Amino acid sequence: WRAPGDGRPPGSRAEPRGQAHRAALRAMGGDGPGDCCSCPTPWPKLSAAARDAPLPHAFLWVHELLGQDLKALSAYPLLVMYATVLAMFLLFFCWEGAPWHGSQRIEERYLKFTILLIFLTTLVAWLATPKNHTVGMHESISGLILTAVLVHLWERHRKKLILPAFDRYRVEAGEAKASARSTCSPKARRAVREIKRHMLRLMDDDRLILSDTGVFVAIVCLIIVASIAQLRPTWIPVVSRYARVSFWVLLVVKAVQSIYSMKRARPSLEDLENRISEMVESGDQSTLEHVLASLSIGSLLEVMEDSTKRTLCEGSLAAGLLTVRSKAILIDGLMKSGIVRNNTHTNTVRRLIMSCYGLELTRLKDLIDGGGNVYNLMKLIHFDIRDRDIRRQLIEHFQTEAQRVREHVGRSLGIKLLSDVDDTLYCSGGQFPAGCDTAYPKHVVYPGCLALFKALDHAWRDGFSSCNLVFLSARPHIYKSIAEDLSYRLFRDLVEDGSMHSMPTLLPGHKTEGLEAMLTFSCRKSRAWRKVGELKYSTYLKFMDLYGEFDFLFFGDNGQGDLLAGQLMVSDQEQRSLCHSGGGTDDEEPSVCCDSQFLGAVIHEVVPMEEALVMDAPARRGKGWRRSLEKKGVMHHKSYVGAALAIHSRYPDLLPAAGVAEVARRARDDLNKARTMYPEWGAKWFAAEGALRLDMEKAAEVLEAAKLGPPPEISGVKTFMLNHSLTWLGDSPDESEEEESESSDFEEL
């Protein structure tokens, strides 16, 4: 420390230590800033007692210095604390496999700790800030407002959300389920009522001090009081004092209420455990199955203690009380309550799956996949279960039982239909990055697509969901199920109106591949989708390991990476066929899934083949290149009647002529429905009509040979609108377009 103006050269004799410090402090108390190690920050003035204090009592001037400028000195720690809170929130939403996502209860504790950290950081800053009357009033009210908001957020996170039940979105076994509920005993109904009452009480064990509306009303009232107090200065100290008192009262009331809620939950936990134990010990299988089918098991597991969970899952399994349906319900509930980093839940799932064999295991897998949400078998095995030994054990069990099912049936059990979504199931409208097809309005399901899916699903029966329809989407998975819920909402609507025969499952993409394709598409064009196509191929391989008793057929488009994925799948099938025929080396053992067949890739042409992403270099695409793809199993089409013809030509037993006729009829009906919904398209319908009409002419030959009669006619768009009293909103067609029912006129168009 040197006093300003001290011009002694370096190395000269210094003043005594105490005198030098006192000189520096006197300089800091002057009008200008002190010269403290060339620090540019002006130091506040100190009192005479602090300036003249001897060195042993330097804490006097340190205390006074910090007291006068505590807010400036605490700015950086506050910024660090708030940055920490922001980082915690970002980690919560971005790192989905983190330990704090182990269950809803752990997520609740993590968020409450973050809220508490915000409150404590702000409280320290508020109490340390020097105040006059006006500033004190504003900060007191601000602290009260912040406390009310944080307490409200605390309460909202304390109240657990009721997770969807097992059958909430399932459409399978509707009549069987209604019959089971109507024939259940009064004992089973009573058990459901009692367990549900305890579950709801435990989930809502913390009553709200301020409701959703009340917290905002309180904030508005406090702001109004602060504004009025500015007009009457004599009210400022009173308002400030009452705000501080209300602040501490609110905290004390909330603490007492939380302690009371914890004490009140204990009897419900004990009653719930006793009720579950009695139900399992009685050996009443029908009552147990009715309880599992009627409640949200995910929510029930959230409020249970570990001993009660063991009784419900392990005890009932050991007693032989669980049917295949009951096991699927328990696995679904364990997934929703949290399996990631939960060894107890992981081992329970392993025991439930390993207890099923043969066709029972196939039924269990279909029930898990048919929930109409993100909790499917693929997520369970390859994401939720982090233990590699358990994952390998389950996959080997799936493959072994799949081989036994094939040997027992003598063939594959059915076909798993893998399909893209954009430009395959429905038209993207050419909106990047979803797709590039503009032949139909956005989100219009392609005519005949769902009818073809139904005709190929031989395992489907009316009233039961086979869940053999699987969508491979390039859209990345986002936190929880934000992205997937949009697709499942569409699937649910299609199932409810009868267009889609079964609730499908959805396998999303990854953020890295999708983001890279979006950013590099402008310069790399179709090559930007290479990693997306390779990811779909990798997903197919993982999915095939789970369903070795089925064959597979892939539907996609050539606008992005689906054609490349289809070629990779065909190449993999060629290698498997070589392995199965003994063409490999002597040291190689044939895979247990060698019997699984990839039947082909059905590709919707939405861009010219020259622009599509494929495995072959442009120099290798000669005149016979496209035909060579078809021989290998890569089939192309421009309408789903054409897709049905291609599949019938290659696999007539898989899709007979009657199936082609049904697809043609549904395609005509779907097109008419779309034209009714979008009359403003007018002349834009000509291209879609023409492609469908040409495939109808080809289908006529197949149907005539099978003596099934001609396919339905496709009327022109103008004729259709006039017949249905719709207003023509497109451009007036010329004379050659007025007779668009003639295929020759379409050729001219």
Foldseek 3Di string as FASTA:
>chain_A
DAFPPPPDDPPDDDDPPQVRQLNQLVNLQDDFATPDVVDPDRFYHDDPCQSPPGPVVVVVVVVVRCLVPVLVVCPVVLVVLVVVLVVLVVCPFFVCLDPCVQFLVSVLVSVLVSLVSVLVSLVVSLVSDDDDLLRLLVSLLVNLLSLLVSLQVNLVSLQDDQDDALCPLFQFQPVVVVVLVVPDDPVLVVLLVLLVVLLNCLNNLQDDPADPVRSVVVSVVSVVVSVVCVVPVVCRNVSSVVSNVVSVVVVVVRVVRVVVSVVVSVVSQVVNLVSLLVVLVVLPLSSLVSNLRPGRLLSSVLRHDPVSVCCSQVSNVVSVSDALVNLLRNLLSLVNRRQNVPVVSLVSNLVSLLVDAAVSNLVSQQSQFQRLAQRHPLCVLPPRDPDPVSSVVNLVRLLVRLLVNCVVVVAFPAEQEEEEPDPWQFDCCCDPPRFHFNLAHHPQGFFLRQLLVVLLGPVDDPNRASQSYEYEYAAAQGGPCPPVVVVSVVLSVCVVVPNHVGRYGYDYHHPVLSVQLRVCCVPPPQVSQQVSLVRSLVVVVSVCSNNLSHAYEYEEAQGHNVQANQVVLLVVLVVLVCLVVVVDDPVDDRDSSSSHHHQAYEYAYRDPPVRGDHPDDPVPCDPCNVVVNLVSHYHYANHVLSVLVSCCVRCCVSQPLVSSLSSLARSLVSVLVSCVVCLLCAPSNLVVLLRSQVSQVVSQVRCVVVVNHGHDFRDQSVVSCVVVVHDRNDDDDDPLRVVSSDNVSSVVD
